[in-house]
Protein backbone atom coordinates (compact mmCIF):
# COMPACT_ATOMS: atom_id res chain seq x y z
CA MET A 1 -0.03 0.18 0.13
CA LEU A 2 2.90 2.49 0.99
CA ALA A 3 4.59 1.69 -2.70
CA LEU A 4 0.69 2.39 -4.51
CA GLY A 5 0.45 5.49 -2.09
CA LEU A 6 4.12 6.78 -3.52
CA LEU A 7 3.57 6.35 -7.21
CA ALA A 8 0.20 7.98 -7.08
CA ALA A 9 1.91 11.25 -5.15
CA ALA A 10 4.48 11.24 -7.70
CA ALA A 11 1.47 10.68 -10.65
CA PRO A 12 1.36 14.34 -12.89
CA ALA A 13 -1.89 16.19 -12.25
CA PRO A 14 -3.97 16.04 -15.49
CA HIS A 15 -4.27 18.66 -17.99
CA TRP A 16 -8.12 18.69 -18.29
CA ALA A 17 -8.11 19.33 -14.78
CA PHE A 18 -6.55 23.33 -15.28
CA PRO A 19 -8.30 24.84 -18.62
CA GLY A 20 -6.61 28.09 -19.66
CA LEU A 21 -7.59 31.34 -20.81
CA GLY A 22 -8.12 29.97 -24.44
CA SER A 23 -9.68 32.40 -26.98
CA ALA A 24 -11.41 34.56 -23.94
CA ALA A 25 -10.38 38.05 -24.57
CA GLN A 26 -11.17 41.00 -21.71
CA ASP A 27 -11.87 44.39 -23.34
CA LYS A 28 -11.51 46.62 -20.58
CA ALA A 29 -13.36 49.51 -22.81
CA ASP A 30 -16.17 47.52 -23.98
CA GLN A 31 -19.35 49.85 -23.40
CA THR A 32 -21.53 46.81 -24.62
CA LEU A 33 -24.33 46.75 -22.37
CA VAL A 34 -24.99 43.68 -20.66
CA HIS A 35 -28.23 42.21 -18.43
CA VAL A 36 -28.95 38.76 -16.95
CA PRO A 37 -32.39 37.41 -16.18
CA GLY A 38 -34.04 38.35 -13.39
CA SER A 39 -31.67 41.28 -12.34
CA ARG A 40 -32.81 44.89 -12.57
CA MET A 41 -29.35 46.27 -13.31
CA GLN A 42 -27.65 46.80 -16.96
CA LEU A 43 -23.86 46.88 -16.73
CA THR A 44 -21.19 47.60 -19.82
CA ARG A 45 -18.78 44.61 -20.52
CA ALA A 46 -16.19 46.85 -19.11
CA ALA A 47 -18.12 47.34 -15.82
CA THR A 48 -18.57 43.37 -15.49
CA GLU A 49 -14.60 43.01 -15.68
CA ASP A 50 -14.02 45.51 -13.18
CA ALA A 51 -12.33 43.60 -10.39
CA THR A 52 -12.40 46.08 -8.00
CA ARG A 53 -16.41 46.73 -8.39
CA PRO A 54 -17.41 42.97 -9.20
CA PRO A 55 -20.73 43.01 -10.80
CA ASP A 56 -23.72 42.08 -8.14
CA TRP A 57 -26.79 41.56 -10.25
CA PHE A 58 -28.93 40.51 -7.14
CA PRO A 59 -27.37 42.61 -4.12
CA ASP A 60 -31.00 41.86 -1.96
CA ARG A 61 -30.28 38.27 -1.72
CA HIS A 62 -27.44 38.33 0.31
CA PRO A 63 -26.66 40.71 3.40
CA PRO A 64 -24.33 43.41 2.79
CA ALA A 65 -20.79 42.65 1.50
CA PRO A 66 -17.73 44.09 3.51
CA PRO A 67 -16.22 46.17 1.35
CA ILE A 68 -13.39 44.00 0.64
CA VAL A 69 -16.06 41.26 -0.96
CA ALA A 70 -18.16 44.15 -2.78
CA GLY A 71 -15.04 46.07 -4.15
CA THR A 72 -14.14 50.15 -3.37
CA GLY A 73 -12.61 50.77 -6.31
CA LYS A 74 -9.28 50.38 -5.71
CA GLY A 75 -7.73 46.92 -5.61
CA PRO A 76 -8.95 43.32 -5.98
CA ALA A 77 -12.52 42.47 -4.59
CA CYS A 78 -12.89 38.94 -3.40
CA GLY A 79 -16.42 38.95 -4.94
CA TYR A 80 -14.96 38.75 -8.39
CA CYS A 81 -13.36 35.89 -8.48
CA HIS A 82 -16.07 34.43 -5.59
CA LEU A 83 -19.05 36.43 -6.82
CA PRO A 84 -20.53 38.69 -4.43
CA ASP A 85 -22.99 36.07 -3.21
CA GLY A 86 -19.43 33.48 -2.42
CA SER A 87 -20.90 30.68 -4.94
CA GLY A 88 -17.65 30.92 -7.02
CA ARG A 89 -17.43 29.19 -10.27
CA ILE A 90 -15.43 26.07 -11.82
CA GLU A 91 -12.11 27.66 -11.39
CA ASN A 92 -12.29 28.63 -7.76
CA ALA A 93 -14.47 27.64 -4.62
CA ASP A 94 -17.93 28.33 -3.26
CA LEU A 95 -17.05 29.64 -0.13
CA ARG A 96 -20.33 30.31 1.31
CA GLY A 97 -20.57 27.87 4.85
CA LEU A 98 -17.09 27.14 5.41
CA PRO A 99 -15.98 27.89 8.69
CA VAL A 100 -14.29 31.47 9.20
CA THR A 101 -11.05 29.54 11.12
CA TYR A 102 -11.03 27.36 7.47
CA ILE A 103 -11.43 30.54 5.23
CA GLU A 104 -8.73 32.26 6.89
CA GLU A 105 -6.07 29.49 7.30
CA GLN A 106 -6.78 28.95 3.52
CA VAL A 107 -5.99 32.48 2.60
CA ARG A 108 -2.96 32.66 4.73
CA ALA A 109 -1.86 29.41 2.97
CA PHE A 110 -1.87 30.87 -0.43
CA ALA A 111 -0.20 33.90 1.07
CA ASP A 112 2.71 32.11 2.03
CA GLY A 113 2.68 29.27 -0.78
CA SER A 114 1.88 26.32 1.43
CA ARG A 115 -1.06 25.94 -0.94
CA ALA A 116 -0.17 26.16 -4.72
CA SER A 117 -1.47 23.86 -7.60
CA ALA A 118 -0.60 20.61 -8.90
CA GLU A 119 -0.36 22.24 -11.95
CA ALA A 120 2.28 25.28 -12.16
CA GLY A 121 1.18 28.51 -13.58
CA TYR A 122 -2.50 27.83 -13.15
CA VAL A 123 -3.54 31.49 -13.57
CA PRO A 124 -6.56 31.22 -10.87
CA THR A 125 -4.28 29.89 -8.31
CA GLN A 126 -1.78 32.37 -8.76
CA LEU A 127 -4.27 35.53 -8.78
CA MET A 128 -5.59 33.93 -5.14
CA ALA A 129 -2.39 34.00 -3.85
CA LYS A 130 -1.55 37.64 -5.06
CA VAL A 131 -4.33 39.19 -3.59
CA ALA A 132 -3.50 37.07 -0.29
CA ARG A 133 -0.67 38.39 0.21
CA GLY A 134 -1.87 42.08 0.00
CA LEU A 135 -5.05 41.40 2.56
CA SER A 136 -4.89 42.85 5.67
CA ALA A 137 -6.39 40.57 8.94
CA ALA A 138 -9.39 42.74 9.53
CA ASP A 139 -10.49 42.05 5.50
CA LEU A 140 -9.61 38.63 5.62
CA ARG A 141 -12.10 38.44 9.00
CA ALA A 142 -14.71 40.58 7.17
CA ALA A 143 -14.84 38.56 4.19
CA ALA A 144 -14.56 35.02 6.11
CA GLU A 145 -17.23 36.16 9.10
CA TYR A 146 -19.30 36.99 5.22
CA PHE A 147 -18.94 34.06 3.88
CA SER A 148 -19.36 31.96 6.49
CA ALA A 149 -22.92 33.12 7.29
CA LEU A 150 -24.30 32.17 3.95
CA GLU A 151 -25.69 28.68 2.62
CA PRO A 152 -24.67 27.07 0.03
CA VAL A 153 -26.38 26.07 -2.93
CA ALA A 154 -25.13 23.27 -5.72
CA ARG A 155 -24.94 25.05 -9.32
CA SER A 156 -23.36 21.76 -11.30
CA ARG A 157 -24.98 18.70 -12.62
CA VAL A 158 -23.44 15.83 -13.24
CA ILE A 159 -23.94 13.89 -16.35
CA GLU A 160 -22.44 10.14 -17.00
CA ALA A 161 -21.64 9.51 -21.15
CA ALA A 162 -19.32 7.57 -23.10
CA ARG A 163 -19.07 10.48 -25.99
CA VAL A 164 -19.90 13.89 -24.54
CA PRO A 165 -19.99 17.60 -26.07
CA ARG A 166 -17.40 19.04 -27.58
CA SER A 167 -15.40 21.52 -25.77
CA GLU A 168 -12.76 24.09 -25.65
CA GLU A 169 -10.67 25.64 -22.90
CA TYR A 170 -12.30 29.00 -22.39
CA ALA A 171 -11.64 31.17 -19.39
CA PHE A 172 -10.46 28.43 -16.95
CA VAL A 173 -13.36 26.50 -18.02
CA ARG A 174 -14.63 24.70 -20.64
CA ARG A 175 -16.87 25.94 -23.47
CA PHE A 176 -19.07 23.80 -25.43
CA VAL A 177 -18.70 23.96 -29.02
CA PRO A 178 -20.84 23.01 -32.18
CA GLY A 179 -19.32 19.37 -33.71
CA PRO A 180 -19.86 15.80 -33.50
CA ARG A 181 -19.44 14.26 -29.87
CA GLU A 182 -16.14 12.87 -28.53
CA PRO A 183 -14.69 10.21 -26.43
CA ILE A 184 -14.77 11.62 -23.15
CA GLY A 185 -11.89 9.23 -21.83
CA LEU A 186 -10.74 9.83 -18.32
CA ARG A 187 -11.55 13.21 -17.43
CA ILE A 188 -14.42 15.40 -16.25
CA VAL A 189 -15.86 17.94 -18.80
CA GLU A 190 -17.22 20.75 -17.13
CA GLY A 191 -18.43 23.99 -18.21
CA PRO A 192 -21.44 26.38 -18.05
CA ASP A 193 -24.56 26.11 -19.39
CA SER A 194 -24.15 29.73 -21.36
CA ILE A 195 -21.37 31.25 -21.90
CA ALA A 196 -22.84 34.63 -22.29
CA ALA A 197 -23.90 33.54 -17.98
CA HIS A 198 -20.21 33.15 -16.99
CA GLU A 199 -18.61 36.22 -18.94
CA ALA A 200 -21.52 38.29 -17.06
CA ARG A 201 -20.45 36.49 -13.76
CA ASP A 202 -24.36 35.76 -13.11
CA PRO A 203 -24.57 33.80 -9.97
CA ASN A 204 -27.37 31.86 -11.34
CA GLU A 205 -25.41 30.00 -13.87
CA THR A 206 -25.48 26.36 -14.06
CA PHE A 207 -22.81 24.11 -14.96
CA ALA A 208 -22.84 20.61 -16.74
CA ALA A 209 -19.94 18.07 -15.52
CA TRP A 210 -19.95 14.90 -18.06
CA VAL A 211 -17.95 12.00 -16.02
CA PRO A 212 -17.14 8.81 -17.27
CA PRO A 213 -19.93 5.69 -17.24
CA GLY A 214 -19.62 3.97 -13.79
CA SER A 215 -17.95 7.22 -12.05
CA LEU A 216 -20.87 7.78 -9.30
CA ALA A 217 -21.25 3.81 -8.38
CA ARG A 218 -17.77 3.64 -7.96
CA GLY A 219 -17.47 7.11 -6.08
CA ARG A 220 -20.09 6.11 -3.99
CA ARG A 221 -18.15 2.71 -3.32
CA ILE A 222 -15.16 4.84 -2.53
CA ALA A 223 -17.01 7.31 -0.08
CA GLU A 224 -18.80 5.29 1.70
CA HIS A 225 -16.57 2.23 2.12
CA GLY A 226 -13.38 3.38 1.06
CA ALA A 227 -10.36 1.67 -1.22
CA PRO A 228 -7.51 -0.68 -0.59
CA GLY A 229 -5.30 1.39 1.92
CA VAL A 230 -7.83 4.54 1.63
CA PRO A 231 -10.38 5.56 4.15
CA ALA A 232 -14.11 6.59 3.68
CA CYS A 233 -14.83 10.13 2.88
CA VAL A 234 -17.56 9.80 5.05
CA SER A 235 -15.16 9.04 8.23
CA CYS A 236 -14.24 12.59 8.15
CA HIS A 237 -16.71 14.65 6.10
CA THR A 238 -19.36 12.52 7.50
CA ALA A 239 -22.18 10.78 5.49
CA ASP A 240 -23.75 14.38 4.44
CA LEU A 241 -19.80 15.03 2.82
CA VAL A 242 -19.97 18.25 4.60
CA GLY A 243 -17.80 20.45 2.99
CA ILE A 244 -17.31 18.56 -0.52
CA ALA A 245 -21.23 17.92 -1.73
CA GLY A 246 -22.47 19.70 -4.59
CA ALA A 247 -19.35 21.49 -5.36
CA SER A 248 -17.76 21.70 -8.80
CA PRO A 249 -16.36 17.62 -9.54
CA THR A 250 -13.96 19.63 -11.74
CA MET A 251 -12.52 21.90 -8.31
CA LEU A 252 -12.91 19.09 -6.44
CA ALA A 253 -10.55 16.87 -8.39
CA ARG A 254 -8.52 19.66 -8.55
CA GLN A 255 -8.05 19.49 -5.22
CA LEU A 256 -7.32 16.01 -4.44
CA PHE A 257 -4.84 16.17 -7.56
CA GLY A 258 -3.35 19.29 -5.41
CA PHE A 259 -3.05 16.81 -1.93
CA ARG A 260 -2.02 14.05 -4.17
CA ASN A 261 1.69 16.18 -5.42
CA HIS A 262 1.28 17.70 -2.00
CA ALA A 263 1.22 20.80 -4.09
CA ARG A 264 -1.38 21.50 -1.26
CA ASN A 265 0.72 21.36 1.73
CA ASP A 266 -1.36 23.70 4.04
CA PRO A 267 -1.83 23.39 7.57
CA GLY A 268 -4.25 20.35 8.26
CA ALA A 269 -3.14 18.72 4.66
CA ALA A 270 -1.53 15.70 6.00
CA PRO A 271 -4.80 13.40 6.42
CA MET A 272 -5.80 14.47 2.54
CA GLN A 273 -2.28 13.93 1.46
CA ALA A 274 -2.57 10.12 2.74
CA VAL A 275 -6.04 9.53 0.95
CA ALA A 276 -5.31 10.81 -2.27
CA GLY A 277 -1.69 9.39 -2.32
CA GLY A 278 -3.66 6.20 -3.25
CA LEU A 279 -6.07 7.29 -5.60
CA SER A 280 -5.80 6.90 -9.27
CA ASP A 281 -6.79 9.25 -11.65
CA ALA A 282 -9.81 7.36 -12.29
CA GLN A 283 -11.03 6.85 -8.77
CA ILE A 284 -10.20 10.66 -8.04
CA ILE A 285 -12.30 11.56 -10.88
CA ALA A 286 -15.38 9.09 -9.28
CA VAL A 287 -14.98 10.57 -6.01
CA ALA A 288 -15.05 14.13 -7.47
CA ALA A 289 -18.12 12.94 -9.36
CA TYR A 290 -20.09 11.45 -6.56
CA ALA A 291 -19.47 14.07 -4.37
CA GLY A 292 -20.37 16.75 -6.98
CA ALA A 293 -23.24 14.45 -7.82
CA HIS A 294 -24.58 15.06 -4.19
CA ARG A 295 -27.11 16.89 -2.41
CA PRO A 296 -25.64 19.84 -0.89
CA TRP A 297 -24.69 20.16 2.57
CA ILE A 298 -25.59 22.75 4.99
CA ARG A 299 -24.20 25.37 7.63
CA ALA A 300 -26.14 23.22 10.31
CA GLN A 301 -24.46 20.29 9.48
CA MET A 302 -20.85 22.05 9.18
CA GLN A 303 -21.57 23.31 12.80
CA ALA A 304 -22.54 20.30 14.04
CA SER A 305 -19.37 17.93 12.49
CA LEU A 306 -17.31 21.10 13.77
CA PRO A 307 -18.20 21.52 17.63
CA GLY A 308 -17.40 25.51 18.35
CA GLU A 309 -17.34 26.90 15.09
CA ARG A 310 -20.04 29.26 14.59
């Protein structure tokens, strides 16, 4: 089992989990008006790309966000990547409901380099590290308390198929494009249902995550019963899969690859390094697919699993 773990730890992370910018272009001066369904607002394309004042299409759906989340016009705001409601996207994490202390710990890990990407040069991780290094303790606490008080909601649906829609890298996700379907192989192919919603940073956007046939059943077995040399996910995350259920499967896989090759070496990472070190690519895909397809956990379940955490 030790040899298996060492072999897995040495395996490189597959590129499919780290889509690049592709052909996406950001015109900071584009005055084309943008609208998202259900919102009373109308913004220019340039405004949706302003990292210092991220678009908040539905301000009445969440409590007032602190300046570090909503933006001040002076520096990158948390709400630009993670969105003002904390829901995040495929290329980053949904922060809603996570413990305050965990969010703070992870941001500090980005800042000191102990949490890195399993694929060197992955831009979203580099940007997070840069922001983290310039974040004050007060702003970090304000953001962590704000995001922790929100309730997680799943936005990805998981679909098993041997052949999947053709796609290409675009803005750090997969963009589905016309053409004949292609073999899925050993990967997760996840992208927004509407690229327009993605570009507008619409918090209501939804995602399709295509996975190899049989992934959900294999993932459930590992989650509930473990694998040779690997404990069951439920032994730590509980039967509700607290902290991971309902998340983007690609994002979950990216974290498991990071634990497996020790790019994620942040405080508390050792148990997950041991777990991921015993998982093959196929098993990581299966676990990520099952957890992503699981009903999302709720704050009450998180609080019950961590006594003393608000």
